[in-house]
């Protein structure tokens, strides 16, 4: 039996502007827990101009319901009674994106690499992607190879599963991102860097 525990509100280090924002990170295939959390949000009275859900990435992998979690997040209007929702890339979405595409987005300043989709597919699978493969195959579609995954995922996701994902989101003076930003790099320059950087940078951000 699922039991939800909530804590009291804590002050933010900044302001989210006029909107009432709920940030949710690292669901990792637990669509059941995501639904439960969104139901709690649905019961919270709006305290701003717009009630908004921001998903901070890693909706997929590890848990058994990654594709379901993607669908739930996309339909946050229905589950959480919000008026807007934002979907951000996590490193797991980017690993899957790389496994699906011939061109790999540059990571950490490296030039774009082409080909070797099989290697990227295996990296993603070993990092939790097997759960998504199992989920797709349970629906009757093949997904044990990169080409099969590409074809089947587009069928079960009705197109590009990451069609409305973005790297970051700014709300008031708050900056939402999956992993962090590099405090040693000019912010405007960093914001123009490839999306993979937003999902992997940790140490410079955490120790600054």
C-alpha atoms as a PDB file:
ATOM      1  CA  UNK A   1       0.000   0.000   0.000  1.00  0.00           C
ATOM      2  CA  UNK A   2       1.367   3.398  -1.008  1.00  0.00           C
ATOM      3  CA  UNK A   3       1.681   6.017   1.729  1.00  0.00           C
ATOM      4  CA  UNK A   4       2.585   9.597   0.922  1.00  0.00           C
ATOM      5  CA  UNK A   5       4.298  11.859   3.415  1.00  0.00           C
ATOM      6  CA  UNK A   6       4.518  15.614   2.958  1.00  0.00           C
ATOM      7  CA  UNK A   7       6.676  18.146   4.770  1.00  0.00           C
ATOM      8  CA  UNK A   8       6.038  21.777   5.532  1.00  0.00           C
ATOM      9  CA  UNK A   9       6.839  24.496   3.022  1.00  0.00           C
ATOM     10  CA  UNK A  10      10.371  25.877   3.064  1.00  0.00           C
ATOM     11  CA  UNK A  11      11.390  29.306   1.754  1.00  0.00           C
ATOM     12  CA  UNK A  12      13.020  29.411  -1.678  1.00  0.00           C
ATOM     13  CA  UNK A  13      16.414  31.078  -2.170  1.00  0.00           C
ATOM     14  CA  UNK A  14      14.782  33.121  -4.936  1.00  0.00           C
ATOM     15  CA  UNK A  15      11.398  33.852  -6.393  1.00  0.00           C
ATOM     16  CA  UNK A  16       9.458  31.966  -9.043  1.00  0.00           C
ATOM     17  CA  UNK A  17       7.784  35.146 -10.200  1.00  0.00           C
ATOM     18  CA  UNK A  18       4.005  35.299 -10.322  1.00  0.00           C
ATOM     19  CA  UNK A  19       3.502  31.558 -10.884  1.00  0.00           C
ATOM     20  CA  UNK A  20       2.930  28.670  -8.467  1.00  0.00           C
ATOM     21  CA  UNK A  21       5.604  26.146  -9.443  1.00  0.00           C
ATOM     22  CA  UNK A  22       6.025  22.459  -8.585  1.00  0.00           C
ATOM     23  CA  UNK A  23       9.368  20.859  -9.572  1.00  0.00           C
ATOM     24  CA  UNK A  24       9.627  17.062  -9.867  1.00  0.00           C
ATOM     25  CA  UNK A  25      12.855  15.187 -10.542  1.00  0.00           C
ATOM     26  CA  UNK A  26      14.143  11.645 -11.165  1.00  0.00           C
ATOM     27  CA  UNK A  27      10.954   9.618 -11.388  1.00  0.00           C
ATOM     28  CA  UNK A  28      12.933   6.778 -13.035  1.00  0.00           C
ATOM     29  CA  UNK A  29      10.056   4.680 -14.267  1.00  0.00           C
ATOM     30  CA  UNK A  30       7.857   4.878 -11.173  1.00  0.00           C
ATOM     31  CA  UNK A  31       4.721   6.118 -12.876  1.00  0.00           C
ATOM     32  CA  UNK A  32       2.685   4.977  -9.873  1.00  0.00           C
ATOM     33  CA  UNK A  33       4.570   7.315  -7.541  1.00  0.00           C
ATOM     34  CA  UNK A  34       4.396  10.123 -10.085  1.00  0.00           C
ATOM     35  CA  UNK A  35       0.620   9.801 -10.334  1.00  0.00           C
ATOM     36  CA  UNK A  36       0.354   9.872  -6.548  1.00  0.00           C
ATOM     37  CA  UNK A  37       2.504  13.011  -6.319  1.00  0.00           C
ATOM     38  CA  UNK A  38       0.499  14.768  -9.028  1.00  0.00           C
ATOM     39  CA  UNK A  39      -2.728  13.917  -7.233  1.00  0.00           C
ATOM     40  CA  UNK A  40      -1.361  15.696  -4.163  1.00  0.00           C
ATOM     41  CA  UNK A  41      -0.504  18.718  -6.313  1.00  0.00           C
ATOM     42  CA  UNK A  42      -4.026  18.647  -7.739  1.00  0.00           C
ATOM     43  CA  UNK A  43      -5.389  19.113  -4.233  1.00  0.00           C
ATOM     44  CA  UNK A  44      -3.231  22.157  -3.460  1.00  0.00           C
ATOM     45  CA  UNK A  45      -4.976  25.459  -4.012  1.00  0.00           C
ATOM     46  CA  UNK A  46      -3.285  27.673  -6.573  1.00  0.00           C
ATOM     47  CA  UNK A  47      -1.167  30.436  -5.019  1.00  0.00           C
ATOM     48  CA  UNK A  48      -0.134  32.331  -8.134  1.00  0.00           C
ATOM     49  CA  UNK A  49      -1.119  33.444 -11.598  1.00  0.00           C
ATOM     50  CA  UNK A  50      -0.438  30.033 -13.141  1.00  0.00           C
ATOM     51  CA  UNK A  51      -0.090  26.614 -11.538  1.00  0.00           C
ATOM     52  CA  UNK A  52       2.851  24.945 -13.279  1.00  0.00           C
ATOM     53  CA  UNK A  53       4.610  21.553 -13.089  1.00  0.00           C
ATOM     54  CA  UNK A  54       8.285  21.370 -14.089  1.00  0.00           C
ATOM     55  CA  UNK A  55       9.728  17.892 -14.656  1.00  0.00           C
ATOM     56  CA  UNK A  56      13.495  17.973 -14.134  1.00  0.00           C
ATOM     57  CA  UNK A  57      14.405  14.934 -16.221  1.00  0.00           C
ATOM     58  CA  UNK A  58      15.072  11.216 -15.757  1.00  0.00           C
ATOM     59  CA  UNK A  59      11.449  10.203 -16.073  1.00  0.00           C
ATOM     60  CA  UNK A  60      12.607   6.964 -17.718  1.00  0.00           C
ATOM     61  CA  UNK A  61      14.873   3.938 -17.019  1.00  0.00           C
ATOM     62  CA  UNK A  62      15.400   1.665 -13.999  1.00  0.00           C
ATOM     63  CA  UNK A  63      11.735   1.442 -12.947  1.00  0.00           C
ATOM     64  CA  UNK A  64       9.110  -0.584 -14.844  1.00  0.00           C
ATOM     65  CA  UNK A  65       6.963   2.313 -16.082  1.00  0.00           C
ATOM     66  CA  UNK A  66       9.238   4.772 -17.874  1.00  0.00           C
ATOM     67  CA  UNK A  67       7.048   5.202 -20.944  1.00  0.00           C
ATOM     68  CA  UNK A  68       3.988   5.456 -18.725  1.00  0.00           C
ATOM     69  CA  UNK A  69       5.754   8.141 -16.680  1.00  0.00           C
ATOM     70  CA  UNK A  70       6.443  10.073 -19.895  1.00  0.00           C
ATOM     71  CA  UNK A  71       2.766   9.880 -20.771  1.00  0.00           C
ATOM     72  CA  UNK A  72       1.677  10.948 -17.292  1.00  0.00           C
ATOM     73  CA  UNK A  73       4.050  13.932 -17.319  1.00  0.00           C
ATOM     74  CA  UNK A  74       2.751  15.007 -20.717  1.00  0.00           C
ATOM     75  CA  UNK A  75      -0.788  14.878 -19.334  1.00  0.00           C
ATOM     76  CA  UNK A  76       0.062  16.750 -16.129  1.00  0.00           C
ATOM     77  CA  UNK A  77      -2.864  19.076 -16.832  1.00  0.00           C
ATOM     78  CA  UNK A  78      -5.216  16.171 -16.127  1.00  0.00           C
ATOM     79  CA  UNK A  79      -3.371  14.539 -13.235  1.00  0.00           C
ATOM     80  CA  UNK A  80      -2.178  17.614 -11.313  1.00  0.00           C
ATOM     81  CA  UNK A  81      -4.752  20.186 -12.426  1.00  0.00           C
ATOM     82  CA  UNK A  82      -1.961  22.503 -13.544  1.00  0.00           C
ATOM     83  CA  UNK A  83      -2.283  25.044 -16.332  1.00  0.00           C
ATOM     84  CA  UNK A  84       1.218  24.557 -17.714  1.00  0.00           C
ATOM     85  CA  UNK A  85       3.952  21.940 -17.666  1.00  0.00           C
ATOM     86  CA  UNK A  86       7.611  21.886 -18.700  1.00  0.00           C
ATOM     87  CA  UNK A  87       9.640  18.786 -19.630  1.00  0.00           C
ATOM     88  CA  UNK A  88      13.429  18.934 -19.213  1.00  0.00           C
ATOM     89  CA  UNK A  89      16.087  16.524 -20.445  1.00  0.00           C
ATOM     90  CA  UNK A  90      17.850  14.389 -17.851  1.00  0.00           C
ATOM     91  CA  UNK A  91      20.966  12.380 -18.636  1.00  0.00           C
ATOM     92  CA  UNK A  92      18.861   9.244 -19.115  1.00  0.00           C
ATOM     93  CA  UNK A  93      16.663  10.893 -21.735  1.00  0.00           C
ATOM     94  CA  UNK A  94      19.808  12.110 -23.490  1.00  0.00           C
ATOM     95  CA  UNK A  95      21.369   8.633 -23.445  1.00  0.00           C
ATOM     96  CA  UNK A  96      18.225   7.236 -25.060  1.00  0.00           C
ATOM     97  CA  UNK A  97      18.162  10.140 -27.534  1.00  0.00           C
ATOM     98  CA  UNK A  98      21.736   9.270 -28.499  1.00  0.00           C
ATOM     99  CA  UNK A  99      20.792   5.606 -28.935  1.00  0.00           C
ATOM    100  CA  UNK A 100      17.941   6.602 -31.250  1.00  0.00           C
ATOM    101  CA  UNK A 101      19.851   9.009 -33.461  1.00  0.00           C
ATOM    102  CA  UNK A 102      22.727   8.680 -35.911  1.00  0.00           C
ATOM    103  CA  UNK A 103      24.307  11.943 -34.778  1.00  0.00           C
ATOM    104  CA  UNK A 104      25.363  12.207 -31.157  1.00  0.00           C
ATOM    105  CA  UNK A 105      25.063  15.658 -29.535  1.00  0.00           C
ATOM    106  CA  UNK A 106      28.439  16.862 -28.229  1.00  0.00           C
ATOM    107  CA  UNK A 107      29.075  16.355 -24.537  1.00  0.00           C
ATOM    108  CA  UNK A 108      31.402  18.364 -22.326  1.00  0.00           C
ATOM    109  CA  UNK A 109      32.888  20.326 -25.176  1.00  0.00           C
ATOM    110  CA  UNK A 110      33.654  17.351 -27.424  1.00  0.00           C
ATOM    111  CA  UNK A 111      32.956  17.536 -31.184  1.00  0.00           C
ATOM    112  CA  UNK A 112      29.911  15.804 -32.628  1.00  0.00           C
ATOM    113  CA  UNK A 113      30.402  12.088 -33.259  1.00  0.00           C
ATOM    114  CA  UNK A 114      28.498  10.110 -35.880  1.00  0.00           C
ATOM    115  CA  UNK A 115      27.668   6.451 -36.115  1.00  0.00           C
ATOM    116  CA  UNK A 116      28.279   3.740 -33.520  1.00  0.00           C
ATOM    117  CA  UNK A 117      24.632   3.703 -32.519  1.00  0.00           C
ATOM    118  CA  UNK A 118      25.039   0.108 -31.283  1.00  0.00           C
ATOM    119  CA  UNK A 119      27.606   1.214 -28.692  1.00  0.00           C
ATOM    120  CA  UNK A 120      25.388   4.034 -27.458  1.00  0.00           C
ATOM    121  CA  UNK A 121      22.415   1.669 -27.325  1.00  0.00           C
ATOM    122  CA  UNK A 122      24.382  -0.730 -25.104  1.00  0.00           C
ATOM    123  CA  UNK A 123      25.556   2.068 -22.790  1.00  0.00           C
ATOM    124  CA  UNK A 124      21.976   3.248 -22.343  1.00  0.00           C
ATOM    125  CA  UNK A 125      20.699  -0.314 -21.815  1.00  0.00           C
ATOM    126  CA  UNK A 126      23.264  -0.998 -19.075  1.00  0.00           C
ATOM    127  CA  UNK A 127      22.449   2.289 -17.331  1.00  0.00           C
ATOM    128  CA  UNK A 128      18.816   1.375 -16.739  1.00  0.00           C
ATOM    129  CA  UNK A 129      17.421   1.331 -20.253  1.00  0.00           C
ATOM    130  CA  UNK A 130      16.647  -2.393 -20.089  1.00  0.00           C
ATOM    131  CA  UNK A 131      13.522  -1.459 -18.137  1.00  0.00           C
ATOM    132  CA  UNK A 132      12.230   0.555 -21.110  1.00  0.00           C
ATOM    133  CA  UNK A 133      13.108  -2.300 -23.478  1.00  0.00           C
ATOM    134  CA  UNK A 134      11.124  -4.698 -21.280  1.00  0.00           C
ATOM    135  CA  UNK A 135       8.210  -2.263 -21.167  1.00  0.00           C
ATOM    136  CA  UNK A 136       8.101  -1.979 -24.966  1.00  0.00           C
ATOM    137  CA  UNK A 137       8.415  -5.725 -25.512  1.00  0.00           C
ATOM    138  CA  UNK A 138       5.602  -6.348 -23.013  1.00  0.00           C
ATOM    139  CA  UNK A 139       3.401  -4.373 -25.414  1.00  0.00           C
ATOM    140  CA  UNK A 140       4.299  -6.785 -28.209  1.00  0.00           C
ATOM    141  CA  UNK A 141       6.948  -4.712 -30.014  1.00  0.00           C
ATOM    142  CA  UNK A 142      10.607  -5.710 -30.569  1.00  0.00           C
ATOM    143  CA  UNK A 143      13.196  -3.476 -28.884  1.00  0.00           C
ATOM    144  CA  UNK A 144      16.317  -5.552 -28.250  1.00  0.00           C
ATOM    145  CA  UNK A 145      18.369  -3.778 -30.931  1.00  0.00           C
ATOM    146  CA  UNK A 146      18.832  -0.119 -31.802  1.00  0.00           C
ATOM    147  CA  UNK A 147      16.869  -0.238 -35.091  1.00  0.00           C
ATOM    148  CA  UNK A 148      14.009  -2.164 -33.448  1.00  0.00           C
ATOM    149  CA  UNK A 149      13.961   0.323 -30.586  1.00  0.00           C
ATOM    150  CA  UNK A 150      13.740   3.279 -32.974  1.00  0.00           C
ATOM    151  CA  UNK A 151      10.791   1.786 -34.833  1.00  0.00           C
ATOM    152  CA  UNK A 152       8.899   0.503 -31.807  1.00  0.00           C
ATOM    153  CA  UNK A 153       9.422   3.527 -29.590  1.00  0.00           C
ATOM    154  CA  UNK A 154       7.980   5.848 -32.205  1.00  0.00           C
ATOM    155  CA  UNK A 155       4.933   3.594 -32.443  1.00  0.00           C
ATOM    156  CA  UNK A 156       4.231   3.368 -28.726  1.00  0.00           C
ATOM    157  CA  UNK A 157       5.072   7.059 -28.159  1.00  0.00           C
ATOM    158  CA  UNK A 158       3.144   8.301 -31.214  1.00  0.00           C
ATOM    159  CA  UNK A 159       6.176  10.005 -32.740  1.00  0.00           C
ATOM    160  CA  UNK A 160       9.334  11.484 -31.227  1.00  0.00           C
ATOM    161  CA  UNK A 161       9.181  10.769 -27.452  1.00  0.00           C
ATOM    162  CA  UNK A 162      11.240  13.901 -26.723  1.00  0.00           C
ATOM    163  CA  UNK A 163       9.537  16.285 -29.134  1.00  0.00           C
ATOM    164  CA  UNK A 164       8.692  18.839 -26.445  1.00  0.00           C
ATOM    165  CA  UNK A 165      11.704  18.429 -24.125  1.00  0.00           C
ATOM    166  CA  UNK A 166      14.122  21.274 -23.475  1.00  0.00           C
ATOM    167  CA  UNK A 167      17.469  21.671 -21.695  1.00  0.00           C
ATOM    168  CA  UNK A 168      16.515  24.231 -19.043  1.00  0.00           C
ATOM    169  CA  UNK A 169      13.770  26.551 -17.889  1.00  0.00           C
ATOM    170  CA  UNK A 170      13.834  29.983 -16.260  1.00  0.00           C
ATOM    171  CA  UNK A 171      11.064  30.992 -13.899  1.00  0.00           C
ATOM    172  CA  UNK A 172      11.464  34.359 -12.191  1.00  0.00           C
ATOM    173  CA  UNK A 173      15.051  34.356 -10.942  1.00  0.00           C
ATOM    174  CA  UNK A 174      15.104  30.558 -10.601  1.00  0.00           C
ATOM    175  CA  UNK A 175      16.966  28.393 -13.123  1.00  0.00           C
ATOM    176  CA  UNK A 176      15.642  24.838 -13.488  1.00  0.00           C
ATOM    177  CA  UNK A 177      17.931  22.153 -14.909  1.00  0.00           C
ATOM    178  CA  UNK A 178      18.524  18.438 -14.354  1.00  0.00           C
ATOM    179  CA  UNK A 179      22.072  18.429 -12.955  1.00  0.00           C
ATOM    180  CA  UNK A 180      23.433  21.954 -12.561  1.00  0.00           C
ATOM    181  CA  UNK A 181      25.326  24.765 -14.208  1.00  0.00           C
ATOM    182  CA  UNK A 182      29.052  25.451 -14.296  1.00  0.00           C
ATOM    183  CA  UNK A 183      29.711  28.425 -11.978  1.00  0.00           C
ATOM    184  CA  UNK A 184      33.165  28.912 -13.539  1.00  0.00           C
ATOM    185  CA  UNK A 185      31.771  29.587 -17.022  1.00  0.00           C
ATOM    186  CA  UNK A 186      29.979  32.715 -18.161  1.00  0.00           C
ATOM    187  CA  UNK A 187      26.288  32.005 -17.758  1.00  0.00           C
ATOM    188  CA  UNK A 188      25.267  33.225 -21.212  1.00  0.00           C
ATOM    189  CA  UNK A 189      27.994  31.084 -22.768  1.00  0.00           C
ATOM    190  CA  UNK A 190      26.925  28.088 -20.708  1.00  0.00           C
ATOM    191  CA  UNK A 191      23.290  28.514 -21.731  1.00  0.00           C
ATOM    192  CA  UNK A 192      24.361  28.181 -25.369  1.00  0.00           C
ATOM    193  CA  UNK A 193      26.285  24.967 -24.749  1.00  0.00           C
ATOM    194  CA  UNK A 194      24.864  21.589 -25.878  1.00  0.00           C
ATOM    195  CA  UNK A 195      21.968  20.170 -23.887  1.00  0.00           C
ATOM    196  CA  UNK A 196      24.091  17.277 -22.567  1.00  0.00           C
ATOM    197  CA  UNK A 197      26.024  19.683 -20.335  1.00  0.00           C
ATOM    198  CA  UNK A 198      22.924  20.605 -18.379  1.00  0.00           C
ATOM    199  CA  UNK A 199      22.294  16.968 -17.560  1.00  0.00           C
ATOM    200  CA  UNK A 200      25.791  15.899 -16.439  1.00  0.00           C
ATOM    201  CA  UNK A 201      27.624  18.791 -14.772  1.00  0.00           C
ATOM    202  CA  UNK A 202      27.812  18.170 -11.026  1.00  0.00           C
ATOM    203  CA  UNK A 203      31.071  18.736  -9.183  1.00  0.00           C
ATOM    204  CA  UNK A 204      31.808  22.375 -10.123  1.00  0.00           C
ATOM    205  CA  UNK A 205      28.210  23.257  -9.308  1.00  0.00           C
ATOM    206  CA  UNK A 206      28.062  21.357  -5.998  1.00  0.00           C
ATOM    207  CA  UNK A 207      31.366  22.578  -4.532  1.00  0.00           C
ATOM    208  CA  UNK A 208      31.089  26.220  -5.612  1.00  0.00           C
END
